[in-house]
C-alpha atoms as a PDB file:
ATOM      1  CA  MET A   1      21.208 -15.078  -8.643  1.00  0.00           C
ATOM      2  CA  LYS A   2      20.283 -12.039  -6.568  1.00  0.00           C
ATOM      3  CA  LYS A   3      17.594  -9.726  -7.971  1.00  0.00           C
ATOM      4  CA  ALA A   4      18.286  -6.049  -8.483  1.00  0.00           C
ATOM      5  CA  SER A   5      16.925  -3.869  -5.713  1.00  0.00           C
ATOM      6  CA  ILE A   6      13.963  -1.627  -6.531  1.00  0.00           C
ATOM      7  CA  LYS A   7      13.232   1.106  -3.996  1.00  0.00           C
ATOM      8  CA  TYR A   8      10.200   0.327  -1.768  1.00  0.00           C
ATOM      9  CA  LEU A   9       9.685  -3.151  -3.273  1.00  0.00           C
ATOM     10  CA  PHE A  10      10.366  -6.477  -1.596  1.00  0.00           C
ATOM     11  CA  GLU A  11       9.222 -10.048  -1.973  1.00  0.00           C
ATOM     12  CA  ARG A  12       7.994 -12.346   0.781  1.00  0.00           C
ATOM     13  CA  ASN A  13       6.590 -15.831   0.176  1.00  0.00           C
ATOM     14  CA  LYS A  14       6.572 -15.183  -3.590  1.00  0.00           C
ATOM     15  CA  THR A  15       4.311 -12.118  -3.179  1.00  0.00           C
ATOM     16  CA  PHE A  16       5.521  -8.561  -3.721  1.00  0.00           C
ATOM     17  CA  TYR A  17       5.124  -5.887  -1.054  1.00  0.00           C
ATOM     18  CA  PHE A  18       5.552  -2.153  -0.781  1.00  0.00           C
ATOM     19  CA  ARG A  19       7.727  -1.014   2.142  1.00  0.00           C
ATOM     20  CA  MET A  20       8.694   2.562   2.993  1.00  0.00           C
ATOM     21  CA  SER A  21      10.534   3.654   6.113  1.00  0.00           C
ATOM     22  CA  ILE A  22       8.910   6.511   8.019  1.00  0.00           C
ATOM     23  CA  PRO A  23      11.361   9.274   8.945  1.00  0.00           C
ATOM     24  CA  PRO A  24      12.069   9.316  12.712  1.00  0.00           C
ATOM     25  CA  ALA A  25      10.476  12.762  13.106  1.00  0.00           C
ATOM     26  CA  LYS A  26       7.160  11.426  11.700  1.00  0.00           C
ATOM     27  CA  ARG A  27       7.036   8.049  13.482  1.00  0.00           C
ATOM     28  CA  ALA A  28       5.084   9.360  16.467  1.00  0.00           C
ATOM     29  CA  ASP A  29       2.404  10.696  14.092  1.00  0.00           C
ATOM     30  CA  PHE A  30       1.899   7.297  12.464  1.00  0.00           C
ATOM     31  CA  LYS A  31       2.748   5.123  15.515  1.00  0.00           C
ATOM     32  CA  LYS A  32       4.963   2.858  13.398  1.00  0.00           C
ATOM     33  CA  ARG A  33       8.428   2.732  11.814  1.00  0.00           C
ATOM     34  CA  GLU A  34       7.411   1.875   8.261  1.00  0.00           C
ATOM     35  CA  PHE A  35       4.517   1.464   5.856  1.00  0.00           C
ATOM     36  CA  VAL A  36       4.204  -2.118   4.610  1.00  0.00           C
ATOM     37  CA  GLU A  37       1.476  -3.246   2.249  1.00  0.00           C
ATOM     38  CA  SER A  38       1.012  -6.246  -0.003  1.00  0.00           C
ATOM     39  CA  LEU A  39       0.767  -5.410  -3.680  1.00  0.00           C
ATOM     40  CA  GLY A  40      -1.319  -8.544  -4.115  1.00  0.00           C
ATOM     41  CA  THR A  41       0.734  -9.973  -6.965  1.00  0.00           C
ATOM     42  CA  ARG A  42       3.449 -12.510  -7.665  1.00  0.00           C
ATOM     43  CA  SER A  43       4.331 -10.807 -10.935  1.00  0.00           C
ATOM     44  CA  LEU A  44       7.336  -8.477 -10.853  1.00  0.00           C
ATOM     45  CA  GLU A  45       6.011  -6.527 -13.829  1.00  0.00           C
ATOM     46  CA  GLU A  46       2.633  -5.937 -12.164  1.00  0.00           C
ATOM     47  CA  ALA A  47       4.333  -5.044  -8.864  1.00  0.00           C
ATOM     48  CA  ILE A  48       6.445  -2.402 -10.590  1.00  0.00           C
ATOM     49  CA  THR A  49       3.295  -0.968 -12.191  1.00  0.00           C
ATOM     50  CA  LEU A  50       1.513  -0.774  -8.813  1.00  0.00           C
ATOM     51  CA  LEU A  51       4.571   0.585  -7.028  1.00  0.00           C
ATOM     52  CA  GLU A  52       4.304   4.111  -8.473  1.00  0.00           C
ATOM     53  CA  SER A  53       0.802   4.756  -7.127  1.00  0.00           C
ATOM     54  CA  LYS A  54       1.712   3.303  -3.709  1.00  0.00           C
ATOM     55  CA  THR A  55       4.821   5.465  -3.558  1.00  0.00           C
ATOM     56  CA  GLN A  56       2.866   8.629  -4.402  1.00  0.00           C
ATOM     57  CA  PHE A  57       0.113   7.734  -1.914  1.00  0.00           C
ATOM     58  CA  TYR A  58       2.498   7.241   1.023  1.00  0.00           C
ATOM     59  CA  LEU A  59       4.708  10.214   0.134  1.00  0.00           C
ATOM     60  CA  ALA A  60       1.546  12.330   0.239  1.00  0.00           C
ATOM     61  CA  LYS A  61       0.678  10.883   3.660  1.00  0.00           C
ATOM     62  CA  LEU A  62       4.164  11.761   4.925  1.00  0.00           C
ATOM     63  CA  ALA A  63       3.818  15.281   3.535  1.00  0.00           C
ATOM     64  CA  GLY A  64       0.535  15.686   5.407  1.00  0.00           C
ATOM     65  CA  ILE A  65      -1.558  15.893   2.271  1.00  0.00           C
ATOM     66  CA  GLU A  66      -5.051  14.522   2.811  1.00  0.00           C
ATOM     67  CA  THR A  67      -5.610  11.327   0.864  1.00  0.00           C
ATOM     68  CA  ASP A  68      -8.909   9.610   0.219  1.00  0.00           C
ATOM     69  CA  ASP A  69      -8.466   6.089   1.640  1.00  0.00           C
ATOM     70  CA  SER A  70     -11.816   5.008   0.200  1.00  0.00           C
ATOM     71  CA  VAL A  71     -10.593   5.733  -3.335  1.00  0.00           C
ATOM     72  CA  ALA A  72      -7.497   3.641  -2.658  1.00  0.00           C
ATOM     73  CA  ALA A  73      -9.698   0.824  -1.361  1.00  0.00           C
ATOM     74  CA  LEU A  74     -11.834   0.983  -4.493  1.00  0.00           C
ATOM     75  CA  ARG A  75      -8.691   0.468  -6.574  1.00  0.00           C
ATOM     76  CA  VAL A  76      -8.049  -2.779  -4.673  1.00  0.00           C
ATOM     77  CA  TYR A  77     -11.610  -3.965  -5.255  1.00  0.00           C
ATOM     78  CA  SER A  78     -11.450  -3.200  -8.967  1.00  0.00           C
ATOM     79  CA  ARG A  79      -8.038  -4.890  -9.284  1.00  0.00           C
ATOM     80  CA  LYS A  80      -9.553  -8.023  -7.719  1.00  0.00           C
ATOM     81  CA  GLY A  81     -12.398  -7.952 -10.234  1.00  0.00           C
ATOM     82  CA  ILE A  82     -15.145  -6.913  -7.809  1.00  0.00           C
ATOM     83  CA  SER A  83     -17.474  -4.654  -9.729  1.00  0.00           C
ATOM     84  CA  SER A  84     -19.677  -3.256  -6.968  1.00  0.00           C
ATOM     85  CA  GLU A  85     -18.565  -0.484  -4.664  1.00  0.00           C
ATOM     86  CA  PRO A  86     -17.604  -1.779  -1.203  1.00  0.00           C
ATOM     87  CA  SER A  87     -19.642  -0.649   1.764  1.00  0.00           C
ATOM     88  CA  GLY A  88     -18.008   1.221   4.629  1.00  0.00           C
ATOM     89  CA  HIS A  89     -18.101  -2.011   6.634  1.00  0.00           C
ATOM     90  CA  GLU A  90     -16.026  -3.811   3.996  1.00  0.00           C
ATOM     91  CA  LEU A  91     -13.543  -0.944   3.958  1.00  0.00           C
ATOM     92  CA  ASP A  92     -13.123  -1.259   7.717  1.00  0.00           C
ATOM     93  CA  HIS A  93     -12.134  -4.893   7.349  1.00  0.00           C
ATOM     94  CA  CYS A  94      -9.646  -4.788   4.496  1.00  0.00           C
ATOM     95  CA  GLY A  95      -7.037  -6.658   6.537  1.00  0.00           C
ATOM     96  CA  LEU A  96      -4.822  -3.771   7.601  1.00  0.00           C
ATOM     97  CA  ASP A  97      -4.124  -2.130  10.926  1.00  0.00           C
ATOM     98  CA  GLU A  98      -6.314   0.765  11.951  1.00  0.00           C
ATOM     99  CA  GLY A  99      -5.349   3.917  10.097  1.00  0.00           C
ATOM    100  CA  GLU A 100      -3.689   2.170   7.160  1.00  0.00           C
ATOM    101  CA  ALA A 101      -5.011   2.484   3.650  1.00  0.00           C
ATOM    102  CA  CYS A 102      -6.477  -0.500   1.860  1.00  0.00           C
ATOM    103  CA  GLY A 103      -5.074   0.424  -1.510  1.00  0.00           C
END
């Protein structure tokens, strides 16, 4: 049975991801066609919970509102159960392309 479609959410290899198309007029600014980021969960319920903050974060980026990527990265660390604050070096190596947010 096919699952109902939820805007910006897709599943790959049993893991849920956020995906948002970048409007053509903004693609040159971001040097890509879409934002894609793992939500780090196999649970649909958890993915739906995380989806709202991801959606707001990337809509703000598209609107040109400054976002604090380090705060987003801290959310990832706390979700993974890491209690200490990551250093700048760890934030630089969060597994995403340059310029993408960790969280």
